[in-house]
């Protein structure tokens, strides 16, 4: 192949070139129609690029790790209120809520 006939990539295209090599590109309308199919392919390890008018917009890839579940009560007992709030403000509470 003659090097003069090889098309030159713009700087933006060069940044996205690795996506073209290893990813499947679909248009935005097709992605809306078949989102569950593309999510399944992403979960199987294939990278899916969603494009609009041939211009890549976003990548659909699986999340690397699942976030750790939040646990309640982990600060229980670490803070102590030295007063009985209900008793100390009983008059004001009665005035407000009768």
N, C-alpha and C. Protein backbone atom coordinates (compact mmCIF):
# COMPACT_ATOMS: atom_id res chain seq x y z
N UNK A 1 0.85 -1.18 0.00
CA UNK A 1 0.00 0.00 0.00
C UNK A 1 0.88 1.23 0.00
N UNK A 2 0.54 2.16 -0.84
CA UNK A 2 1.30 3.40 -0.97
C UNK A 2 1.01 4.31 0.23
N UNK A 3 2.03 4.75 0.96
CA UNK A 3 1.80 5.60 2.13
C UNK A 3 1.06 6.90 1.80
N UNK A 4 1.17 7.38 0.59
CA UNK A 4 0.49 8.62 0.20
C UNK A 4 -1.02 8.44 0.13
N UNK A 5 -1.47 7.21 -0.06
CA UNK A 5 -2.91 6.97 -0.17
C UNK A 5 -3.57 6.68 1.18
N UNK A 6 -2.79 6.53 2.26
CA UNK A 6 -3.35 6.26 3.58
C UNK A 6 -3.92 7.56 4.13
N UNK A 7 -5.19 7.58 4.50
CA UNK A 7 -5.77 8.83 5.01
C UNK A 7 -5.15 9.22 6.34
N UNK A 8 -4.95 10.52 6.54
CA UNK A 8 -4.41 11.05 7.78
C UNK A 8 -5.55 11.24 8.76
N UNK A 9 -5.33 10.91 10.02
CA UNK A 9 -6.34 11.10 11.06
C UNK A 9 -6.13 12.45 11.73
N UNK A 10 -7.23 13.11 12.04
CA UNK A 10 -7.13 14.35 12.79
C UNK A 10 -6.72 14.02 14.22
N UNK A 11 -6.39 15.05 15.01
CA UNK A 11 -5.98 14.82 16.40
C UNK A 11 -7.12 14.17 17.19
N UNK A 12 -8.35 14.62 16.96
CA UNK A 12 -9.50 14.05 17.66
C UNK A 12 -9.70 12.58 17.27
N UNK A 13 -9.55 12.28 16.00
CA UNK A 13 -9.69 10.90 15.54
C UNK A 13 -8.59 10.01 16.11
N UNK A 14 -7.41 10.57 16.27
CA UNK A 14 -6.30 9.79 16.82
C UNK A 14 -6.59 9.39 18.26
N UNK A 15 -7.20 10.30 19.04
CA UNK A 15 -7.55 9.97 20.41
C UNK A 15 -8.57 8.85 20.47
N UNK A 16 -9.47 8.82 19.50
CA UNK A 16 -10.55 7.84 19.49
C UNK A 16 -10.18 6.56 18.73
N UNK A 17 -9.04 6.53 18.09
CA UNK A 17 -8.66 5.39 17.26
C UNK A 17 -8.69 4.07 18.02
N UNK A 18 -8.21 3.99 19.27
CA UNK A 18 -8.30 2.71 19.97
C UNK A 18 -9.73 2.22 20.12
N UNK A 19 -10.67 3.14 20.21
CA UNK A 19 -12.08 2.74 20.32
C UNK A 19 -12.55 2.06 19.04
N UNK A 20 -12.10 2.56 17.91
CA UNK A 20 -12.53 1.97 16.64
C UNK A 20 -12.01 0.56 16.49
N UNK A 21 -10.83 0.31 17.04
CA UNK A 21 -10.21 -0.99 16.86
C UNK A 21 -10.92 -2.07 17.67
N UNK A 22 -11.23 -1.79 18.93
CA UNK A 22 -11.74 -2.84 19.79
C UNK A 22 -13.22 -2.69 20.15
N UNK A 23 -13.91 -1.69 19.63
CA UNK A 23 -15.28 -1.45 20.03
C UNK A 23 -16.24 -1.56 18.85
N UNK A 24 -17.47 -1.89 19.19
CA UNK A 24 -18.53 -1.91 18.19
C UNK A 24 -19.22 -0.55 18.27
N UNK A 25 -19.41 0.10 17.13
CA UNK A 25 -20.05 1.41 17.12
C UNK A 25 -21.47 1.28 16.59
N UNK A 26 -22.42 1.86 17.33
CA UNK A 26 -23.82 1.84 16.93
C UNK A 26 -24.35 3.27 16.97
N UNK A 27 -25.37 3.54 16.16
CA UNK A 27 -25.91 4.90 16.19
C UNK A 27 -26.87 5.06 17.35
N UNK A 28 -27.15 6.30 17.68
CA UNK A 28 -27.94 6.62 18.87
C UNK A 28 -29.35 6.02 18.80
N UNK A 29 -29.99 6.08 17.65
CA UNK A 29 -31.34 5.53 17.51
C UNK A 29 -31.33 4.02 17.73
N UNK A 30 -30.35 3.35 17.16
CA UNK A 30 -30.24 1.90 17.34
C UNK A 30 -29.96 1.55 18.80
N UNK A 31 -29.16 2.37 19.47
CA UNK A 31 -28.86 2.13 20.88
C UNK A 31 -30.11 2.27 21.73
N UNK A 32 -30.96 3.25 21.41
CA UNK A 32 -32.21 3.40 22.16
C UNK A 32 -33.12 2.19 21.95
N UNK A 33 -33.15 1.71 20.73
CA UNK A 33 -34.03 0.60 20.39
C UNK A 33 -33.56 -0.72 21.00
N UNK A 34 -32.26 -0.95 21.02
CA UNK A 34 -31.71 -2.24 21.44
C UNK A 34 -30.77 -2.11 22.64
N UNK A 35 -31.09 -1.23 23.57
CA UNK A 35 -30.20 -0.98 24.70
C UNK A 35 -29.89 -2.24 25.49
N UNK A 36 -30.89 -3.05 25.78
CA UNK A 36 -30.65 -4.25 26.59
C UNK A 36 -29.68 -5.20 25.89
N UNK A 37 -29.74 -5.29 24.58
CA UNK A 37 -28.82 -6.15 23.82
C UNK A 37 -27.39 -5.63 23.98
N UNK A 38 -27.21 -4.31 23.88
CA UNK A 38 -25.87 -3.74 23.98
C UNK A 38 -25.33 -3.79 25.41
N UNK A 39 -26.21 -3.69 26.39
CA UNK A 39 -25.78 -3.85 27.78
C UNK A 39 -25.28 -5.28 27.99
N UNK A 40 -25.99 -6.25 27.46
CA UNK A 40 -25.56 -7.65 27.60
C UNK A 40 -24.20 -7.86 26.93
N UNK A 41 -23.99 -7.24 25.77
CA UNK A 41 -22.70 -7.38 25.08
C UNK A 41 -21.59 -6.71 25.89
N UNK A 42 -21.90 -5.57 26.51
CA UNK A 42 -20.91 -4.89 27.34
C UNK A 42 -20.56 -5.75 28.56
N UNK A 43 -21.56 -6.40 29.14
CA UNK A 43 -21.31 -7.28 30.28
C UNK A 43 -20.47 -8.49 29.89
N UNK A 44 -20.57 -8.89 28.62
CA UNK A 44 -19.75 -10.01 28.12
C UNK A 44 -18.33 -9.57 27.80
N UNK A 45 -18.04 -8.26 27.96
CA UNK A 45 -16.68 -7.78 27.75
C UNK A 45 -16.47 -6.98 26.49
N UNK A 46 -17.48 -6.87 25.64
CA UNK A 46 -17.32 -6.10 24.42
C UNK A 46 -17.63 -4.64 24.69
N UNK A 47 -16.80 -3.76 24.15
CA UNK A 47 -17.01 -2.33 24.31
C UNK A 47 -17.95 -1.85 23.21
N UNK A 48 -18.97 -1.10 23.59
CA UNK A 48 -19.94 -0.58 22.63
C UNK A 48 -19.84 0.94 22.65
N UNK A 49 -19.64 1.54 21.47
CA UNK A 49 -19.57 2.98 21.34
C UNK A 49 -20.86 3.46 20.71
N UNK A 50 -21.50 4.43 21.35
CA UNK A 50 -22.73 5.01 20.81
C UNK A 50 -22.35 6.31 20.11
N UNK A 51 -22.76 6.42 18.86
CA UNK A 51 -22.38 7.56 18.03
C UNK A 51 -23.61 8.27 17.49
N UNK A 52 -23.42 9.53 17.15
CA UNK A 52 -24.48 10.32 16.51
C UNK A 52 -23.88 10.91 15.25
N UNK A 53 -24.49 10.62 14.13
CA UNK A 53 -24.00 11.06 12.82
C UNK A 53 -22.56 10.61 12.59
N UNK A 54 -22.24 9.39 13.07
CA UNK A 54 -20.92 8.83 12.86
C UNK A 54 -19.85 9.34 13.82
N UNK A 55 -20.21 10.25 14.70
CA UNK A 55 -19.25 10.81 15.66
C UNK A 55 -19.44 10.13 17.02
N UNK A 56 -18.42 9.44 17.53
CA UNK A 56 -18.54 8.75 18.82
C UNK A 56 -18.89 9.72 19.95
N UNK A 57 -19.89 9.34 20.75
CA UNK A 57 -20.32 10.18 21.87
C UNK A 57 -19.96 9.57 23.22
N UNK A 58 -20.34 8.31 23.43
CA UNK A 58 -20.13 7.66 24.72
C UNK A 58 -19.75 6.20 24.52
N UNK A 59 -19.11 5.63 25.57
CA UNK A 59 -18.78 4.21 25.58
C UNK A 59 -19.66 3.51 26.59
N UNK A 60 -20.13 2.35 26.24
CA UNK A 60 -20.91 1.52 27.14
C UNK A 60 -20.00 0.37 27.56
N UNK A 61 -19.56 0.42 28.82
CA UNK A 61 -18.66 -0.60 29.35
C UNK A 61 -19.18 -1.03 30.71
N UNK A 62 -18.87 -2.25 31.12
CA UNK A 62 -19.33 -2.70 32.44
C UNK A 62 -18.60 -1.97 33.56
N UNK A 63 -19.24 -1.85 34.68
CA UNK A 63 -18.64 -1.24 35.86
C UNK A 63 -17.61 -2.21 36.41
N UNK A 64 -16.44 -1.70 36.75
CA UNK A 64 -15.35 -2.56 37.21
C UNK A 64 -15.68 -3.28 38.51
N UNK A 65 -16.12 -2.56 39.51
CA UNK A 65 -16.45 -3.17 40.78
C UNK A 65 -17.79 -2.66 41.25
N UNK A 66 -18.46 -3.45 42.03
CA UNK A 66 -19.72 -2.99 42.58
C UNK A 66 -19.44 -2.15 43.82
N UNK A 67 -20.19 -1.08 44.02
CA UNK A 67 -19.93 -0.26 45.19
C UNK A 67 -20.24 -1.03 46.48
N UNK A 68 -19.49 -0.72 47.51
CA UNK A 68 -19.70 -1.39 48.79
C UNK A 68 -21.04 -0.96 49.37
N UNK A 69 -21.77 -1.90 49.89
CA UNK A 69 -23.08 -1.61 50.48
C UNK A 69 -22.91 -0.69 51.68
N UNK A 70 -23.78 0.29 51.77
CA UNK A 70 -23.74 1.21 52.90
C UNK A 70 -24.35 0.52 54.11
N UNK A 71 -23.75 0.74 55.23
CA UNK A 71 -24.28 0.14 56.44
C UNK A 71 -24.64 1.24 57.43
N UNK A 72 -25.81 1.16 57.98
CA UNK A 72 -26.27 2.15 58.93
C UNK A 72 -25.80 1.83 60.33
N UNK A 73 -25.71 2.86 61.14
CA UNK A 73 -25.37 2.66 62.53
C UNK A 73 -23.91 2.48 62.83
N UNK A 74 -23.03 2.74 61.88
CA UNK A 74 -21.62 2.51 62.14
C UNK A 74 -21.02 3.53 63.13
N UNK A 75 -21.71 4.66 63.38
CA UNK A 75 -21.24 5.63 64.36
C UNK A 75 -22.00 5.54 65.68
N UNK A 76 -22.81 4.51 65.82
CA UNK A 76 -23.62 4.37 67.01
C UNK A 76 -22.75 4.32 68.27
N UNK A 77 -23.09 5.17 69.23
CA UNK A 77 -22.36 5.21 70.49
C UNK A 77 -21.15 6.11 70.48
N UNK A 78 -20.76 6.65 69.33
CA UNK A 78 -19.56 7.49 69.29
C UNK A 78 -19.86 8.94 69.69
N UNK A 79 -21.09 9.36 69.63
CA UNK A 79 -21.47 10.72 70.03
C UNK A 79 -22.46 10.62 71.18
N UNK A 80 -22.25 11.41 72.20
CA UNK A 80 -23.11 11.37 73.37
C UNK A 80 -23.65 12.76 73.63
N UNK A 81 -24.97 12.88 73.73
CA UNK A 81 -25.59 14.15 74.09
C UNK A 81 -25.75 14.18 75.60
N UNK A 82 -25.09 15.12 76.28
CA UNK A 82 -25.09 15.11 77.74
C UNK A 82 -26.40 15.55 78.38
N UNK A 83 -27.35 15.98 77.59
CA UNK A 83 -28.61 16.45 78.17
C UNK A 83 -29.77 15.63 77.63
N UNK A 84 -30.86 15.68 78.33
CA UNK A 84 -32.08 15.03 77.88
C UNK A 84 -32.86 16.08 77.08
N UNK A 85 -32.77 16.02 75.76
CA UNK A 85 -33.36 17.06 74.91
C UNK A 85 -34.86 17.17 75.11
N UNK A 86 -35.50 16.06 75.27
CA UNK A 86 -36.95 16.09 75.42
C UNK A 86 -37.35 16.80 76.72
N UNK A 87 -36.66 16.51 77.80
CA UNK A 87 -36.98 17.13 79.09
C UNK A 87 -36.56 18.60 79.12
N UNK A 88 -35.38 18.90 78.54
CA UNK A 88 -34.87 20.27 78.57
C UNK A 88 -35.74 21.23 77.75
N UNK A 89 -36.35 20.74 76.68
CA UNK A 89 -37.14 21.61 75.83
C UNK A 89 -38.62 21.26 75.85
N UNK A 90 -39.09 20.61 76.88
CA UNK A 90 -40.50 20.17 76.96
C UNK A 90 -41.46 21.36 76.87
N UNK A 91 -41.15 22.45 77.53
CA UNK A 91 -42.03 23.63 77.48
C UNK A 91 -42.13 24.20 76.08
N UNK A 92 -41.02 24.32 75.40
CA UNK A 92 -41.02 24.86 74.03
C UNK A 92 -41.73 23.90 73.06
N UNK A 93 -41.54 22.62 73.25
CA UNK A 93 -42.19 21.64 72.39
C UNK A 93 -43.70 21.70 72.59
N UNK A 94 -44.16 21.82 73.84
CA UNK A 94 -45.58 21.93 74.11
C UNK A 94 -46.16 23.20 73.51
N UNK A 95 -45.41 24.31 73.56
CA UNK A 95 -45.88 25.57 72.98
C UNK A 95 -46.03 25.48 71.47
N UNK A 96 -45.09 24.78 70.83
CA UNK A 96 -45.12 24.66 69.37
C UNK A 96 -46.19 23.69 68.90
N UNK A 97 -46.31 22.56 69.55
CA UNK A 97 -47.18 21.49 69.06
C UNK A 97 -48.40 21.23 69.92
N UNK A 98 -48.54 21.98 70.99
CA UNK A 98 -49.71 21.91 71.86
C UNK A 98 -49.99 20.63 72.45
